[in-house]
N, C-alpha and C. Protein backbone atom coordinates (compact mmCIF):
# COMPACT_ATOMS: atom_id res chain seq x y z
N UNK A 1 0.69 -1.03 0.48
CA UNK A 1 -0.06 0.20 0.26
C UNK A 1 1.15 1.28 -0.31
N UNK A 2 0.20 2.09 -0.66
CA UNK A 2 1.43 3.44 -1.01
C UNK A 2 0.46 4.58 -0.14
N UNK A 3 1.38 5.23 0.84
CA UNK A 3 1.01 6.38 1.29
C UNK A 3 0.57 7.75 0.41
N UNK A 4 -0.82 7.72 -0.62
CA UNK A 4 -0.47 8.68 -1.35
C UNK A 4 -1.64 9.35 -0.67
N UNK A 5 -1.65 11.41 -0.51
CA UNK A 5 -2.15 12.08 -0.06
C UNK A 5 -3.20 12.35 -1.14
N UNK A 6 -4.51 12.33 -0.83
CA UNK A 6 -5.53 12.74 -2.05
C UNK A 6 -5.59 14.04 -2.73
N UNK A 7 -6.06 14.44 -3.82
CA UNK A 7 -5.75 15.80 -4.91
C UNK A 7 -6.30 16.74 -3.81
N UNK A 8 -5.53 17.59 -3.57
CA UNK A 8 -6.35 18.78 -2.99
C UNK A 8 -5.85 20.65 -3.49
N UNK A 9 -7.31 20.81 -3.52
CA UNK A 9 -6.52 22.48 -4.18
C UNK A 9 -6.21 23.29 -3.11
N UNK A 10 -6.18 22.74 -1.58
CA UNK A 10 -5.76 23.44 -0.36
C UNK A 10 -4.05 24.05 -0.58
N UNK A 11 -3.61 25.41 -0.61
CA UNK A 11 -2.52 25.65 -0.89
C UNK A 11 -1.39 25.58 0.60
N UNK A 12 -0.05 25.33 0.22
CA UNK A 12 0.29 24.84 1.18
C UNK A 12 0.02 26.04 2.89
N UNK A 13 0.94 25.67 3.70
CA UNK A 13 0.80 27.04 4.82
C UNK A 13 1.35 27.80 4.68
N UNK A 14 2.98 27.74 4.00
CA UNK A 14 3.98 28.92 3.95
C UNK A 14 3.07 29.62 2.47
N UNK A 15 1.97 28.94 1.99
CA UNK A 15 1.74 29.99 0.80
C UNK A 15 0.83 30.60 0.84
N UNK A 16 -0.18 30.09 2.30
CA UNK A 16 -0.69 30.90 2.94
C UNK A 16 -0.54 32.16 3.95
N UNK A 17 0.81 31.59 4.56
CA UNK A 17 1.57 32.87 5.50
C UNK A 17 1.98 34.03 4.12
N UNK A 18 2.22 33.51 3.26
CA UNK A 18 3.05 34.42 2.48
C UNK A 18 1.56 35.35 1.88
N UNK A 19 0.61 34.96 1.52
CA UNK A 19 -0.50 35.80 0.96
C UNK A 19 -0.60 36.70 2.25
N UNK A 20 -1.33 36.42 3.43
CA UNK A 20 -1.56 37.09 4.46
C UNK A 20 -0.96 37.87 4.91
N UNK A 21 0.64 37.72 4.80
CA UNK A 21 1.50 38.60 4.96
C UNK A 21 1.45 39.78 4.06
N UNK A 22 1.06 39.55 2.43
CA UNK A 22 0.56 40.44 1.77
C UNK A 22 -0.11 41.20 1.57
N UNK A 23 -1.09 40.71 2.44
CA UNK A 23 -2.90 41.87 2.40
C UNK A 23 -1.96 42.74 3.84
N UNK A 24 -0.99 42.13 4.34
CA UNK A 24 -1.12 43.28 5.64
C UNK A 24 -0.17 43.96 5.17
N UNK A 25 0.76 43.82 4.40
CA UNK A 25 1.74 45.18 3.13
C UNK A 25 0.59 45.83 2.41
N UNK A 26 -0.16 45.33 1.92
CA UNK A 26 -0.77 45.78 1.06
C UNK A 26 -1.64 47.12 1.72
N UNK A 27 -2.43 46.53 2.99
CA UNK A 27 -3.27 47.42 3.59
C UNK A 27 -2.52 48.27 4.41
N UNK A 28 -1.92 48.05 4.89
CA UNK A 28 -0.81 49.28 5.37
C UNK A 28 -0.32 50.15 4.68
N UNK A 29 0.46 49.89 3.15
CA UNK A 29 0.91 50.75 2.33
C UNK A 29 -0.67 51.85 1.95
N UNK A 30 -2.03 50.97 1.95
CA UNK A 30 -2.83 51.83 1.20
C UNK A 30 -3.35 52.80 2.09
N UNK A 31 -2.92 52.12 3.34
CA UNK A 31 -3.22 53.34 4.85
C UNK A 31 -2.49 54.34 5.19
N UNK A 32 -1.27 54.59 4.49
CA UNK A 32 -0.19 55.60 4.38
C UNK A 32 -0.38 56.41 3.23
N UNK A 33 -0.77 55.62 2.11
CA UNK A 33 -1.07 56.22 0.88
C UNK A 33 -2.32 57.29 0.81
N UNK A 34 -3.55 56.58 1.42
CA UNK A 34 -4.48 57.63 1.80
C UNK A 34 -4.37 58.24 2.70
N UNK A 35 -3.50 58.26 3.98
CA UNK A 35 -3.56 59.71 4.60
C UNK A 35 -2.55 60.29 4.14
N UNK A 36 -1.43 60.40 3.59
CA UNK A 36 -0.73 61.47 2.87
C UNK A 36 -1.21 62.21 1.90
N UNK A 37 -2.45 61.49 0.76
CA UNK A 37 -3.01 61.78 0.27
C UNK A 37 -4.23 63.09 0.75
N UNK A 38 -4.72 62.42 1.53
CA UNK A 38 -5.82 63.67 2.34
C UNK A 38 -4.96 64.94 2.53
N UNK A 39 -3.48 64.24 3.73
CA UNK A 39 -2.72 65.19 4.44
C UNK A 39 -2.59 66.41 3.41
N UNK A 40 -2.22 65.92 1.92
CA UNK A 40 -1.56 67.07 1.30
C UNK A 40 -2.73 67.73 0.88
N UNK A 41 -3.99 67.34 0.63
CA UNK A 41 -5.20 68.37 0.06
C UNK A 41 -5.85 69.05 1.04
N UNK A 42 -6.16 69.05 2.70
CA UNK A 42 -6.74 69.25 3.56
C UNK A 42 -5.67 69.92 4.63
N UNK A 43 -6.52 71.52 4.86
CA UNK A 43 -5.40 72.49 5.85
C UNK A 43 -6.36 72.74 6.70
N UNK A 44 -8.01 71.79 6.96
CA UNK A 44 -8.21 71.91 8.37
C UNK A 44 -7.50 71.58 9.49
N UNK A 45 -8.54 71.67 11.19
CA UNK A 45 -7.76 71.49 12.20
C UNK A 45 -8.42 69.47 12.44
N UNK A 46 -9.07 69.36 12.12
CA UNK A 46 -10.33 67.90 12.38
C UNK A 46 -8.74 67.32 11.66
N UNK A 47 -9.13 65.85 12.56
CA UNK A 47 -8.37 64.95 12.44
C UNK A 47 -8.92 63.76 11.64
N UNK A 48 -10.19 63.81 11.50
CA UNK A 48 -11.06 63.36 10.78
C UNK A 48 -11.22 63.08 9.45
N UNK A 49 -10.91 63.58 8.82
CA UNK A 49 -10.58 63.20 7.23
C UNK A 49 -9.99 62.69 7.31
N UNK A 50 -8.22 62.64 8.24
CA UNK A 50 -7.43 62.07 7.39
C UNK A 50 -7.32 60.52 8.02
N UNK A 51 -8.25 60.17 9.43
CA UNK A 51 -8.34 58.88 9.95
C UNK A 51 -9.15 58.09 8.75
N UNK A 52 -10.27 59.09 8.26
CA UNK A 52 -10.84 58.86 6.89
C UNK A 52 -10.08 58.21 5.74
N UNK A 53 -9.63 59.34 5.68
CA UNK A 53 -8.13 58.02 4.59
C UNK A 53 -7.67 57.45 4.37
N UNK A 54 -7.02 57.26 6.01
CA UNK A 54 -6.43 56.32 6.38
C UNK A 54 -7.16 54.90 6.07
N UNK A 55 -8.21 54.80 7.11
CA UNK A 55 -9.26 53.75 6.53
C UNK A 55 -9.59 53.01 4.98
N UNK A 56 -10.25 54.03 4.88
CA UNK A 56 -11.06 53.57 3.45
C UNK A 56 -9.53 53.44 2.37
N UNK A 57 -8.03 53.74 2.62
CA UNK A 57 -7.31 53.41 1.63
C UNK A 57 -7.05 51.92 2.29
N UNK A 58 -6.34 51.60 3.80
CA UNK A 58 -6.20 50.16 3.97
C UNK A 58 -7.51 49.09 3.37
N UNK A 59 -8.39 49.95 3.40
CA UNK A 59 -9.63 49.04 3.63
C UNK A 59 -9.34 48.02 1.61
N UNK A 60 -9.56 49.42 1.09
CA UNK A 60 -9.41 49.29 -0.80
C UNK A 60 -8.26 48.86 -0.92
N UNK A 61 -7.00 48.74 -0.61
CA UNK A 61 -6.03 48.25 -1.24
C UNK A 61 -5.86 46.91 -0.02
N UNK A 62 -6.18 46.47 0.87
CA UNK A 62 -6.37 45.30 1.62
C UNK A 62 -6.88 44.54 0.61
N UNK A 63 -8.03 44.82 0.22
CA UNK A 63 -9.50 43.59 -0.56
C UNK A 63 -8.80 43.54 -1.82
N UNK A 64 -8.18 44.52 -2.20
CA UNK A 64 -8.14 44.17 -3.89
C UNK A 64 -6.61 43.83 -3.65
N UNK A 65 -5.83 43.72 -2.46
CA UNK A 65 -4.33 42.81 -2.34
C UNK A 65 -5.15 41.47 -1.96
N UNK A 66 -5.80 41.09 -1.63
CA UNK A 66 -6.82 39.89 -0.63
C UNK A 66 -6.84 38.87 -2.12
N UNK A 67 -7.68 39.97 -3.27
CA UNK A 67 -8.47 39.37 -4.37
C UNK A 67 -7.17 38.92 -5.07
N UNK A 68 -6.10 39.26 -5.24
CA UNK A 68 -4.98 39.15 -6.17
C UNK A 68 -4.77 37.81 -5.38
N UNK A 69 -4.18 37.73 -3.91
CA UNK A 69 -3.97 36.50 -3.39
C UNK A 69 -4.72 35.36 -3.79
N UNK A 70 -5.73 35.35 -3.46
CA UNK A 70 -6.57 34.28 -3.20
C UNK A 70 -6.58 33.84 -5.02
N UNK A 71 -6.40 34.68 -6.23
CA UNK A 71 -6.51 33.70 -7.53
C UNK A 71 -5.27 33.62 -7.47
N UNK A 72 -4.35 33.90 -6.79
CA UNK A 72 -2.63 33.36 -7.12
C UNK A 72 -2.62 32.01 -5.91
N UNK A 73 -3.16 31.73 -5.33
CA UNK A 73 -2.95 30.97 -4.65
C UNK A 73 -4.38 29.67 -5.31
N UNK A 74 -5.50 30.16 -5.84
CA UNK A 74 -5.94 29.12 -7.01
C UNK A 74 -5.24 28.40 -7.66
N UNK A 75 -4.31 29.68 -8.57
CA UNK A 75 -3.85 29.12 -9.83
C UNK A 75 -2.63 28.17 -9.35
N UNK A 76 -2.03 28.70 -8.12
CA UNK A 76 -0.88 27.49 -7.85
C UNK A 76 -1.33 26.51 -7.20
N UNK A 77 -2.73 26.61 -6.99
CA UNK A 77 -3.25 24.90 -6.66
C UNK A 77 -3.36 24.00 -7.47
N UNK A 78 -4.07 24.42 -8.80
CA UNK A 78 -4.52 24.07 -10.02
C UNK A 78 -3.39 23.70 -10.51
N UNK A 79 -2.04 24.67 -10.91
CA UNK A 79 -1.15 24.41 -11.60
C UNK A 79 -0.08 22.71 -10.73
N UNK A 80 -0.12 22.74 -9.66
CA UNK A 80 0.14 21.65 -8.30
C UNK A 80 -0.47 20.41 -9.13
N UNK A 81 -2.47 20.59 -8.87
CA UNK A 81 -2.98 19.41 -9.61
C UNK A 81 -2.50 19.14 -10.99
N UNK A 82 -2.19 19.38 -11.66
CA UNK A 82 -2.28 19.41 -13.33
C UNK A 82 -0.73 18.29 -13.42
N UNK A 83 0.26 19.32 -12.12
CA UNK A 83 1.39 18.21 -12.34
C UNK A 83 1.36 17.28 -11.65
N UNK A 84 0.51 16.93 -10.52
CA UNK A 84 0.70 15.49 -10.04
C UNK A 84 -0.17 14.62 -11.00
N UNK A 85 -1.59 14.92 -12.11
CA UNK A 85 -1.97 13.91 -13.04
C UNK A 85 -1.09 13.38 -14.02
N UNK A 86 -0.13 14.34 -14.77
CA UNK A 86 0.55 14.09 -15.97
C UNK A 86 2.06 13.11 -15.24
N UNK A 87 2.16 13.07 -13.87
CA UNK A 87 3.14 12.38 -13.87
C UNK A 87 3.05 11.18 -13.34
């Protein structure tokens, strides 16, 4: 009897960790960009617009990075499955 693992589209733990870290870095980058964009344009005293720029920038870029990360994880899983079938 051989110990073959069943085919699975689940990515490796390392790939999932890298995807998670990339989402965090993308969100941080978007937060910084959103903050500075509002900081350059806003001359008022209130910090509310700066906070909104920070939060909206973080959410938008983290969401976009998450979409790309999911697509990459799915493609790598399919690539691995195709390689296992052919060999």
